[in-house]
Amino acid sequence: MNPIIASILQDFSLDDYLPITPRDLDLGEPLQPKKGNLVKVIIGMRRSGKSYRLFQEMNSLMASGVSPERICYFNFEDDRLSPVTAETGDEVLETFRALHPEAAEQGIYLFFDELQEMQNWGSWLRRIVDTNKATIYISGSSSKMLSTQIATEFRGRAIDFELLPYSFREIARNRGLLDARSGASTAVFSTAQRAKLRNAFGEYLQRGGFPAAQELPEQLAIPLLQSYAQRVVSRDVVERHNISRPRVATAFARRVLNSNGKQLSIRKTENTLRSMGLPTSRELLSDMLSYLEEAYLIFQIRDFSFALSESTTSTPKIYAIDPGLAAANANANINDEGQRLEDAVYLELRRRTIGTRRGTISSYHTTTHGYEIDFVVGDELDGRPYELYQVTDSVSDPHTRERELRALWEAMDDSGLTCGTLIVGEGEDATYENQSEGGTKHTVTQIPAWKWMLQSD
């Protein structure tokens, strides 16, 4: 028996992590342990709460009557284990069975945290799935590695669940500002509640949703969020992909985060880095942009196109994993509140489109005048979008309101949709109507961003 592994297993107690703040991410009903079971995989950026989502599932199992002795939790990121190999995983199971010999016969529940730290983890886990009477949950911090290996190694026997940092809805509920079973769709808010929620939303745009940053003063939250970005660059980009120019990687990641809510030109970024004395290439920067997305630091979206052959030609827009992380890593002289609002809306749309195909959320430029629509939700294979969203700080200026509305009117003409949504940082509920040249009635619903964020779907 490996004494380090035995110590790790014996020292773990779920009681040390109680109370557990519940997350909205639904993993479905737990499967009964058996060989060949479906593996449930939680993926997301480091420090976004994946471990606690596993703890939440473990706590629910025990509340349903499952004995703690049938539950094995193990974090493969423990530095005492390096290097982590398939033999390490075998020793974990052998040690757990030795400590709880009756559990294997009844069926065990395995929770493997940060399993991507294991070399050749995919083939090892497939063997474990095939040979053990178990229900298995794993977590990992790389989207591409997990999604591609799941597809090749498990052939339909695993499903991944994306966990982002806290949404504003989760934060409001945790602070007691929102009833646990209600959302803005049904709730009626008093004047005092509305004021508290507006203030909390402003804090969310500045602090974001990473769990550990919630109770810290701003002077501590900012360096914490900066360290998160630095760790992603060092561990998930430089170290994992053997980048020989770490200074280039760090400077490039900073430029990418400063492009939050904007298009990113690799060519211009290359020129900027070269002017700073950092020699690089477009190929390297394109690769690193993919690596940053794989590690969940940023996301890229492109223009929606009615012609699939045109869908890959646009310059992508960049969105950070969290508005607070983007704020902490932005240049101090930049006022990017509008971009962080747009980022928050994108992340919420991403949460609401779980289970859809990749690329469901796009931007869009209208065909006649090229007006930009911030977000289109729709599947290009279906040939048309389903929802249109425009995001702006405020529409108190009539020129701003007219600009945002005319983009939505023209997008409705292009798409055949009859309604759209205008999400405003400052403002109240409103409805606007327009009639197309063909006589179709178009409606835009305006809603305050804080209120839209609280809707459950």
Protein backbone atom coordinates (compact mmCIF):
# COMPACT_ATOMS: atom_id res chain seq x y z
CA MET A 1 0.00 0.00 0.00
CA ASN A 2 1.37 3.40 -1.02
CA PRO A 3 1.62 5.37 2.26
CA ILE A 4 1.22 8.79 0.58
CA ILE A 5 -1.91 7.73 -1.29
CA ALA A 6 -3.30 6.04 1.84
CA SER A 7 -2.69 9.24 3.79
CA ILE A 8 -4.43 11.37 1.13
CA LEU A 9 -7.46 9.07 1.07
CA GLN A 10 -7.74 8.85 4.84
CA ASP A 11 -7.20 12.56 5.44
CA PHE A 12 -10.02 13.59 3.11
CA SER A 13 -13.31 14.40 4.81
CA LEU A 14 -16.26 16.08 3.13
CA ASP A 15 -17.12 17.68 6.48
CA ASP A 16 -14.08 19.93 6.04
CA TYR A 17 -15.80 21.59 3.04
CA LEU A 18 -19.29 22.06 4.47
CA PRO A 19 -21.46 23.98 3.95
CA ILE A 20 -21.26 23.54 0.18
CA THR A 21 -22.71 26.33 -1.92
CA PRO A 22 -24.92 24.62 -4.53
CA ARG A 23 -24.26 25.35 -8.19
CA ASP A 24 -26.87 25.54 -10.95
CA LEU A 25 -25.01 23.06 -13.18
CA ASP A 26 -27.22 19.95 -13.31
CA LEU A 27 -25.37 16.64 -13.75
CA GLY A 28 -28.55 14.57 -13.93
CA GLU A 29 -29.55 11.68 -11.70
CA PRO A 30 -26.65 9.58 -10.36
CA LEU A 31 -26.21 6.28 -12.19
CA GLN A 32 -26.13 3.03 -10.29
CA PRO A 33 -22.59 1.55 -10.16
CA LYS A 34 -21.86 -0.98 -12.90
CA LYS A 35 -19.16 -1.91 -15.37
CA GLY A 36 -19.16 0.13 -18.56
CA ASN A 37 -21.02 3.04 -16.97
CA LEU A 38 -21.33 6.47 -18.54
CA VAL A 39 -18.60 8.78 -17.24
CA LYS A 40 -19.63 12.31 -16.25
CA VAL A 41 -16.91 14.90 -16.83
CA ILE A 42 -16.86 18.43 -15.38
CA ILE A 43 -14.61 20.76 -17.36
CA GLY A 44 -13.69 24.39 -16.84
CA MET A 45 -10.93 26.79 -15.90
CA ARG A 46 -8.87 26.27 -12.77
CA ARG A 47 -10.45 27.70 -9.60
CA SER A 48 -13.92 27.97 -11.11
CA GLY A 49 -15.44 25.55 -8.58
CA LYS A 50 -15.14 22.11 -10.23
CA SER A 51 -13.97 20.41 -7.02
CA TYR A 52 -16.88 21.84 -5.04
CA ARG A 53 -19.31 20.70 -7.72
CA LEU A 54 -17.93 17.20 -7.17
CA PHE A 55 -18.36 17.70 -3.42
CA GLN A 56 -21.95 18.80 -4.03
CA GLU A 57 -22.61 15.54 -5.88
CA MET A 58 -20.95 13.51 -3.14
CA ASN A 59 -23.02 15.28 -0.49
CA SER A 60 -26.22 14.52 -2.42
CA LEU A 61 -25.26 10.85 -2.68
CA MET A 62 -24.73 10.59 1.07
CA ALA A 63 -28.00 12.42 1.71
CA SER A 64 -29.73 9.78 -0.43
CA GLY A 65 -28.31 6.98 1.74
CA VAL A 66 -25.05 6.03 0.00
CA SER A 67 -22.40 5.10 2.57
CA PRO A 68 -19.34 7.41 2.65
CA GLU A 69 -17.18 4.27 2.56
CA ARG A 70 -18.38 3.63 -1.02
CA ILE A 71 -17.25 7.08 -2.17
CA CYS A 72 -13.66 7.64 -3.27
CA TYR A 73 -12.46 11.19 -3.92
CA PHE A 74 -8.93 11.80 -5.17
CA ASN A 75 -7.20 14.93 -6.47
CA PHE A 76 -4.47 14.04 -8.96
CA GLU A 77 -3.02 17.57 -8.83
CA ASP A 78 -1.43 16.86 -5.43
CA ASP A 79 2.28 17.72 -5.76
CA ARG A 80 3.28 14.72 -3.63
CA LEU A 81 2.31 12.41 -6.50
CA SER A 82 4.48 13.80 -9.31
CA PRO A 83 4.81 12.30 -11.84
CA VAL A 84 1.24 11.03 -12.09
CA THR A 85 0.99 7.87 -14.19
CA ALA A 86 -1.47 5.03 -14.77
CA GLU A 87 0.30 3.16 -11.97
CA THR A 88 -0.61 6.04 -9.63
CA GLY A 89 -4.28 5.60 -10.54
CA ASP A 90 -4.07 1.83 -9.98
CA GLU A 91 -2.54 2.40 -6.55
CA VAL A 92 -5.37 4.78 -5.65
CA LEU A 93 -7.98 2.10 -6.38
CA GLU A 94 -5.98 -0.68 -4.72
CA THR A 95 -5.50 1.43 -1.59
CA PHE A 96 -9.17 2.44 -1.48
CA ARG A 97 -10.24 -1.23 -1.77
CA ALA A 98 -7.82 -2.20 1.00
CA LEU A 99 -9.27 0.50 3.26
CA HIS A 100 -12.88 -0.38 2.34
CA PRO A 101 -12.95 -4.03 1.20
CA GLU A 102 -16.76 -4.27 1.22
CA ALA A 103 -17.24 -1.28 -1.10
CA ALA A 104 -16.10 -2.98 -4.33
CA GLU A 105 -18.78 -5.68 -4.04
CA GLN A 106 -21.56 -3.14 -3.46
CA GLY A 107 -20.30 -0.80 -6.18
CA ILE A 108 -18.19 2.30 -5.72
CA TYR A 109 -18.52 5.98 -6.60
CA LEU A 110 -15.28 7.39 -7.97
CA PHE A 111 -14.57 11.14 -8.04
CA PHE A 112 -11.29 11.93 -9.80
CA ASP A 113 -10.30 15.60 -9.64
CA GLU A 114 -7.96 17.17 -12.26
CA LEU A 115 -7.41 13.80 -13.91
CA GLN A 116 -5.66 15.43 -16.87
CA GLU A 117 -2.53 15.56 -14.69
CA MET A 118 -2.16 11.82 -15.30
CA GLN A 119 -0.11 10.76 -18.32
CA ASN A 120 -2.30 8.86 -20.81
CA TRP A 121 -5.29 9.30 -18.54
CA GLY A 122 -7.78 8.40 -21.28
CA SER A 123 -6.66 4.83 -21.85
CA TRP A 124 -6.31 4.28 -18.09
CA LEU A 125 -9.83 5.53 -17.37
CA ARG A 126 -11.31 3.42 -20.16
CA ARG A 127 -9.79 0.33 -18.51
CA ILE A 128 -11.21 1.38 -15.13
CA VAL A 129 -14.65 1.89 -16.68
CA ASP A 130 -14.57 -1.56 -18.29
CA THR A 131 -13.34 -3.48 -15.25
CA ASN A 132 -14.95 -1.85 -12.22
CA LYS A 133 -18.48 -1.81 -10.86
CA ALA A 134 -18.53 1.93 -10.44
CA THR A 135 -20.16 5.28 -11.05
CA ILE A 136 -17.46 7.71 -12.18
CA TYR A 137 -17.17 11.50 -12.16
CA ILE A 138 -14.02 13.32 -13.27
CA SER A 139 -12.96 16.93 -13.58
CA GLY A 140 -10.38 18.62 -15.79
CA SER A 141 -9.08 22.03 -16.83
CA SER A 142 -8.56 21.66 -20.57
CA SER A 143 -11.52 21.73 -22.94
CA LYS A 144 -9.79 20.39 -26.06
CA MET A 145 -7.91 17.60 -24.33
CA LEU A 146 -10.98 16.37 -22.55
CA SER A 147 -13.43 16.73 -25.40
CA THR A 148 -11.20 15.16 -28.03
CA GLN A 149 -10.04 12.29 -25.84
CA ILE A 150 -13.56 11.65 -24.62
CA ALA A 151 -14.67 11.32 -28.24
CA THR A 152 -11.84 8.96 -29.21
CA GLU A 153 -11.35 6.95 -26.02
CA PHE A 154 -14.92 6.48 -24.83
CA ARG A 155 -16.97 6.42 -28.02
CA GLY A 156 -20.25 7.65 -26.56
CA ARG A 157 -19.69 6.43 -23.00
CA ALA A 158 -18.85 9.83 -21.49
CA ILE A 159 -20.55 13.20 -21.36
CA ASP A 160 -18.94 16.53 -20.44
CA PHE A 161 -20.48 19.36 -18.42
CA GLU A 162 -19.00 22.85 -18.62
CA LEU A 163 -18.71 24.74 -15.33
CA LEU A 164 -18.09 28.49 -15.46
CA PRO A 165 -17.46 30.73 -12.42
CA TYR A 166 -20.52 31.87 -10.47
CA SER A 167 -23.26 33.49 -12.52
CA PHE A 168 -24.87 36.68 -11.20
CA ARG A 169 -27.97 34.61 -10.41
CA GLU A 170 -25.90 32.29 -8.19
CA ILE A 171 -24.22 35.24 -6.47
CA ALA A 172 -27.54 36.99 -5.82
CA ARG A 173 -28.99 33.79 -4.38
CA ASN A 174 -25.91 33.18 -2.21
CA ARG A 175 -26.23 36.70 -0.79
CA GLY A 176 -29.90 36.22 0.00
CA LEU A 177 -31.00 38.75 -2.62
CA LEU A 178 -32.98 36.16 -4.60
CA ASP A 179 -35.26 33.38 -3.44
CA ALA A 180 -33.70 29.99 -4.10
CA ARG A 181 -36.64 28.89 -6.23
CA SER A 182 -37.42 32.07 -8.13
CA GLY A 183 -35.99 34.17 -10.92
CA ALA A 184 -36.70 37.52 -12.50
CA SER A 185 -39.28 35.94 -14.79
CA THR A 186 -41.74 35.53 -11.93
CA ALA A 187 -40.44 37.70 -9.09
CA VAL A 188 -41.76 41.15 -8.29
CA PHE A 189 -39.01 43.30 -6.80
CA SER A 190 -39.53 46.17 -4.40
CA THR A 191 -37.71 49.46 -4.94
CA ALA A 192 -35.21 48.50 -2.22
CA GLN A 193 -34.61 45.06 -3.75
CA ARG A 194 -34.06 46.54 -7.18
CA ALA A 195 -31.49 48.96 -5.78
CA LYS A 196 -29.63 46.15 -3.99
CA LEU A 197 -29.64 43.97 -7.10
CA ARG A 198 -28.41 46.80 -9.33
CA ASN A 199 -25.56 47.49 -6.90
CA ALA A 200 -24.72 43.79 -6.65
CA PHE A 201 -24.62 43.53 -10.44
CA GLY A 202 -22.21 46.46 -10.64
CA GLU A 203 -19.97 44.64 -8.15
CA TYR A 204 -20.26 41.45 -10.22
CA LEU A 205 -19.00 43.24 -13.34
CA GLN A 206 -15.99 44.43 -11.34
CA ARG A 207 -15.28 41.38 -9.14
CA GLY A 208 -16.64 38.58 -11.31
CA GLY A 209 -17.74 35.12 -10.24
CA PHE A 210 -14.65 33.19 -9.14
CA PRO A 211 -15.62 31.73 -5.75
CA ALA A 212 -12.48 32.67 -3.82
CA ALA A 213 -12.72 36.33 -4.88
CA GLN A 214 -16.21 36.90 -3.50
CA GLU A 215 -15.43 37.85 0.09
CA LEU A 216 -12.05 39.51 -0.48
CA PRO A 217 -11.50 43.27 -0.44
CA GLU A 218 -10.73 44.69 -3.88
CA GLN A 219 -7.02 45.15 -3.13
CA LEU A 220 -6.75 41.40 -2.55
CA ALA A 221 -9.23 40.20 -5.17
CA ILE A 222 -7.36 41.91 -8.03
CA PRO A 223 -3.98 40.18 -7.44
CA LEU A 224 -5.79 36.87 -6.86
CA LEU A 225 -7.51 37.10 -10.25
CA GLN A 226 -4.25 38.19 -11.87
CA SER A 227 -2.57 35.10 -10.42
CA TYR A 228 -5.30 32.90 -11.92
CA ALA A 229 -4.52 34.21 -15.41
CA GLN A 230 -0.77 33.85 -14.83
CA ARG A 231 -1.20 30.26 -13.69
CA VAL A 232 -3.20 29.36 -16.79
CA VAL A 233 -0.48 30.83 -18.99
CA SER A 234 2.37 29.11 -17.13
CA ARG A 235 0.76 25.71 -16.56
CA ASP A 236 -1.75 25.24 -19.38
CA VAL A 237 0.07 27.07 -22.17
CA VAL A 238 3.83 27.35 -21.58
CA GLU A 239 4.40 24.13 -19.64
CA ARG A 240 1.83 21.89 -21.31
CA HIS A 241 2.69 22.92 -24.86
CA ASN A 242 6.45 23.44 -24.36
CA ILE A 243 6.38 27.10 -25.38
CA SER A 244 10.00 28.28 -25.63
CA ARG A 245 9.10 31.99 -25.33
CA PRO A 246 7.28 32.44 -21.99
CA ARG A 247 7.58 36.25 -22.11
CA VAL A 248 5.77 36.26 -25.45
CA ALA A 249 3.05 34.01 -23.99
CA THR A 250 2.56 36.30 -20.98
CA ALA A 251 2.46 39.49 -23.07
CA PHE A 252 0.13 37.89 -25.61
CA ALA A 253 -2.30 36.69 -22.92
CA ARG A 254 -2.42 40.21 -21.51
CA ARG A 255 -3.20 41.60 -24.98
CA VAL A 256 -5.92 39.00 -25.47
CA LEU A 257 -7.59 39.81 -22.15
CA ASN A 258 -7.44 43.51 -23.03
CA SER A 259 -9.40 42.61 -26.19
CA ASN A 260 -12.35 41.39 -24.12
CA GLY A 261 -15.53 42.03 -26.13
CA LYS A 262 -13.54 43.10 -29.19
CA GLN A 263 -12.12 41.59 -32.35
CA LEU A 264 -8.52 40.43 -32.11
CA SER A 265 -6.18 40.79 -35.08
CA ILE A 266 -3.28 38.34 -34.89
CA ARG A 267 -1.34 40.38 -37.47
CA LYS A 268 -1.64 43.64 -35.49
CA THR A 269 -0.81 41.84 -32.25
CA GLU A 270 2.31 40.35 -33.82
CA ASN A 271 3.45 43.82 -34.89
CA THR A 272 2.78 45.23 -31.43
CA LEU A 273 4.77 42.49 -29.69
CA ARG A 274 7.66 42.92 -32.11
CA SER A 275 7.70 46.66 -31.38
CA MET A 276 8.07 45.73 -27.69
CA GLY A 277 11.17 43.69 -28.49
CA LEU A 278 9.38 40.34 -28.35
CA PRO A 279 10.04 38.43 -31.59
CA THR A 280 7.20 36.10 -32.51
CA SER A 281 5.16 34.82 -35.45
CA ARG A 282 1.52 34.69 -36.47
CA GLU A 283 1.63 30.89 -36.36
CA LEU A 284 2.83 30.89 -32.75
CA LEU A 285 0.25 33.48 -31.70
CA SER A 286 -2.57 31.58 -33.44
CA ASP A 287 -1.51 28.42 -31.61
CA MET A 288 -1.36 30.21 -28.27
CA LEU A 289 -4.81 31.71 -28.82
CA SER A 290 -6.13 28.17 -29.23
CA TYR A 291 -4.25 27.07 -26.12
CA LEU A 292 -5.78 29.91 -24.08
CA GLU A 293 -9.24 28.83 -25.26
CA GLU A 294 -8.49 25.19 -24.48
CA ALA A 295 -7.58 26.23 -20.93
CA TYR A 296 -10.87 28.18 -20.62
CA LEU A 297 -9.22 31.56 -20.12
CA ILE A 298 -11.04 33.01 -23.14
CA PHE A 299 -13.64 32.13 -25.78
CA GLN A 300 -13.84 33.10 -29.44
CA ILE A 301 -16.99 33.72 -31.45
CA ARG A 302 -17.37 34.48 -35.16
CA ASP A 303 -20.05 35.99 -37.35
CA PHE A 304 -23.20 34.01 -38.05
CA SER A 305 -23.59 33.25 -41.73
CA PHE A 306 -26.52 31.87 -43.69
CA ALA A 307 -23.92 30.26 -45.99
CA LEU A 308 -21.84 27.68 -44.15
CA SER A 309 -18.94 28.17 -46.54
CA GLU A 310 -18.56 31.76 -45.31
CA SER A 311 -18.70 31.07 -41.58
CA THR A 312 -14.95 30.82 -40.92
CA THR A 313 -13.71 33.98 -42.67
CA SER A 314 -14.52 36.63 -40.04
CA THR A 315 -12.08 37.89 -37.42
CA PRO A 316 -13.16 36.39 -34.07
CA LYS A 317 -14.34 38.40 -31.08
CA ILE A 318 -12.76 37.53 -27.74
CA TYR A 319 -14.61 37.03 -24.46
CA ALA A 320 -12.91 36.37 -21.13
CA ILE A 321 -13.93 33.53 -18.83
CA ASP A 322 -15.09 36.09 -16.25
CA PRO A 323 -15.71 39.87 -16.23
CA GLY A 324 -13.83 40.27 -12.95
CA LEU A 325 -10.78 38.44 -14.27
CA ALA A 326 -10.87 40.65 -17.36
CA ALA A 327 -11.09 43.79 -15.18
CA ALA A 328 -8.20 42.68 -12.97
CA ASN A 329 -5.95 42.10 -15.98
CA ALA A 330 -6.97 45.20 -17.97
CA ASN A 331 -4.82 48.30 -18.31
CA ALA A 332 -5.62 50.79 -15.56
CA ASN A 333 -6.30 53.61 -18.04
CA ILE A 334 -8.98 51.71 -19.94
CA ASN A 335 -12.68 52.13 -19.17
CA ASP A 336 -14.03 48.78 -20.34
CA GLU A 337 -17.28 48.51 -18.37
CA GLY A 338 -19.28 48.19 -21.59
CA GLN A 339 -17.08 45.30 -22.72
CA ARG A 340 -17.42 43.59 -19.35
CA LEU A 341 -21.20 43.92 -19.57
CA GLU A 342 -21.09 42.33 -23.01
CA ASP A 343 -18.79 39.61 -21.65
CA ALA A 344 -21.22 38.86 -18.81
CA VAL A 345 -24.10 38.53 -21.29
CA TYR A 346 -22.07 36.17 -23.47
CA LEU A 347 -21.19 33.96 -20.50
CA GLU A 348 -24.83 33.82 -19.41
CA LEU A 349 -25.91 32.85 -22.94
CA ARG A 350 -23.27 30.15 -22.86
CA ARG A 351 -24.71 28.78 -19.62
CA ARG A 352 -28.21 28.78 -21.14
CA THR A 353 -27.15 26.93 -24.29
CA ILE A 354 -25.55 23.94 -22.56
CA GLY A 355 -26.28 20.83 -24.58
CA THR A 356 -26.27 22.59 -27.95
CA ARG A 357 -23.66 22.35 -30.68
CA ARG A 358 -20.44 24.34 -30.58
CA GLY A 359 -20.81 27.72 -32.28
CA THR A 360 -24.43 28.23 -31.22
CA ILE A 361 -23.59 31.78 -30.11
CA SER A 362 -22.32 34.11 -32.82
CA SER A 363 -22.12 37.78 -33.69
CA TYR A 364 -23.82 39.06 -36.84
CA HIS A 365 -23.56 41.86 -39.40
CA THR A 366 -26.70 42.77 -41.30
CA THR A 367 -26.70 42.34 -45.07
CA THR A 368 -27.84 45.83 -46.17
CA HIS A 369 -25.94 48.26 -43.95
CA GLY A 370 -23.56 45.97 -42.05
CA TYR A 371 -24.97 46.84 -38.63
CA GLU A 372 -23.51 44.69 -35.87
CA ILE A 373 -25.66 42.48 -33.67
CA ASP A 374 -23.77 41.51 -30.52
CA PHE A 375 -25.17 37.99 -30.14
CA VAL A 376 -27.15 35.65 -32.32
CA VAL A 377 -28.23 32.33 -30.84
CA GLY A 378 -28.81 29.78 -33.56
CA ASP A 379 -27.50 26.77 -35.42
CA GLU A 380 -26.16 27.56 -38.89
CA LEU A 381 -27.08 24.04 -40.03
CA ASP A 382 -30.72 25.04 -39.51
CA GLY A 383 -30.19 28.01 -41.80
CA ARG A 384 -31.42 30.73 -39.47
CA PRO A 385 -30.88 32.21 -35.99
CA TYR A 386 -33.35 31.73 -33.13
CA GLU A 387 -32.67 34.76 -30.91
CA LEU A 388 -31.15 38.24 -31.34
CA TYR A 389 -29.48 40.15 -28.50
CA GLN A 390 -28.08 43.64 -28.45
CA VAL A 391 -26.12 44.89 -25.41
CA THR A 392 -25.38 48.49 -24.44
CA ASP A 393 -24.54 50.51 -21.33
CA SER A 394 -27.47 52.88 -21.66
CA VAL A 395 -30.09 54.08 -24.14
CA SER A 396 -30.73 57.41 -22.42
CA ASP A 397 -29.14 59.07 -25.47
CA PRO A 398 -31.72 58.94 -28.31
CA HIS A 399 -28.97 58.49 -30.90
CA THR A 400 -27.66 55.40 -29.06
CA ARG A 401 -31.16 53.96 -28.75
CA GLU A 402 -31.85 54.51 -32.46
CA ARG A 403 -28.52 52.91 -33.41
CA GLU A 404 -29.19 49.76 -31.38
CA LEU A 405 -32.80 49.44 -32.56
CA ARG A 406 -32.12 49.92 -36.27
CA ALA A 407 -29.54 47.11 -36.11
CA LEU A 408 -32.16 44.82 -34.57
CA TRP A 409 -34.86 45.86 -37.07
CA GLU A 410 -32.58 45.06 -40.01
CA ALA A 411 -31.44 41.77 -38.45
CA MET A 412 -35.08 40.73 -38.11
CA ASP A 413 -35.61 41.48 -41.80
CA ASP A 414 -32.59 39.30 -42.64
CA SER A 415 -33.53 36.40 -40.39
CA GLY A 416 -37.32 36.32 -40.51
CA LEU A 417 -37.51 36.70 -36.74
CA THR A 418 -40.17 39.01 -35.32
CA CYS A 419 -38.62 39.81 -31.94
CA GLY A 420 -35.30 40.72 -30.38
CA THR A 421 -33.88 41.66 -26.98
CA LEU A 422 -32.06 44.84 -25.98
CA ILE A 423 -30.10 44.36 -22.73
CA VAL A 424 -29.14 47.63 -21.04
CA GLY A 425 -26.73 48.29 -18.20
CA GLU A 426 -28.66 51.37 -17.11
CA GLY A 427 -32.37 51.62 -17.86
CA GLU A 428 -35.75 50.07 -17.25
CA ASP A 429 -38.10 47.66 -19.01
CA ALA A 430 -39.49 48.94 -22.30
CA THR A 431 -41.01 47.68 -25.53
CA TYR A 432 -40.41 49.03 -29.04
CA GLU A 433 -42.37 48.12 -32.17
CA ASN A 434 -41.67 48.54 -35.85
CA GLN A 435 -43.24 47.37 -39.11
CA SER A 436 -41.13 46.02 -41.95
CA GLU A 437 -41.66 47.01 -45.58
CA GLY A 438 -43.47 43.73 -46.05
CA GLY A 439 -45.89 44.56 -43.24
CA THR A 440 -44.44 42.24 -40.59
CA LYS A 441 -44.65 43.58 -37.03
CA HIS A 442 -41.30 43.54 -35.20
CA THR A 443 -40.91 43.88 -31.44
CA VAL A 444 -37.84 44.63 -29.31
CA THR A 445 -38.02 43.96 -25.59
CA GLN A 446 -35.69 46.11 -23.49
CA ILE A 447 -34.64 44.68 -20.13
CA PRO A 448 -32.13 45.79 -17.49
CA ALA A 449 -29.05 43.57 -17.51
CA TRP A 450 -29.31 42.70 -13.80
CA LYS A 451 -32.86 41.49 -14.30
CA TRP A 452 -32.12 39.51 -17.45
CA MET A 453 -29.23 37.77 -15.66
CA LEU A 454 -31.60 36.51 -12.97
CA GLN A 455 -33.87 34.69 -15.40
CA SER A 456 -33.56 30.93 -15.07
CA ASP A 457 -33.57 30.24 -18.83
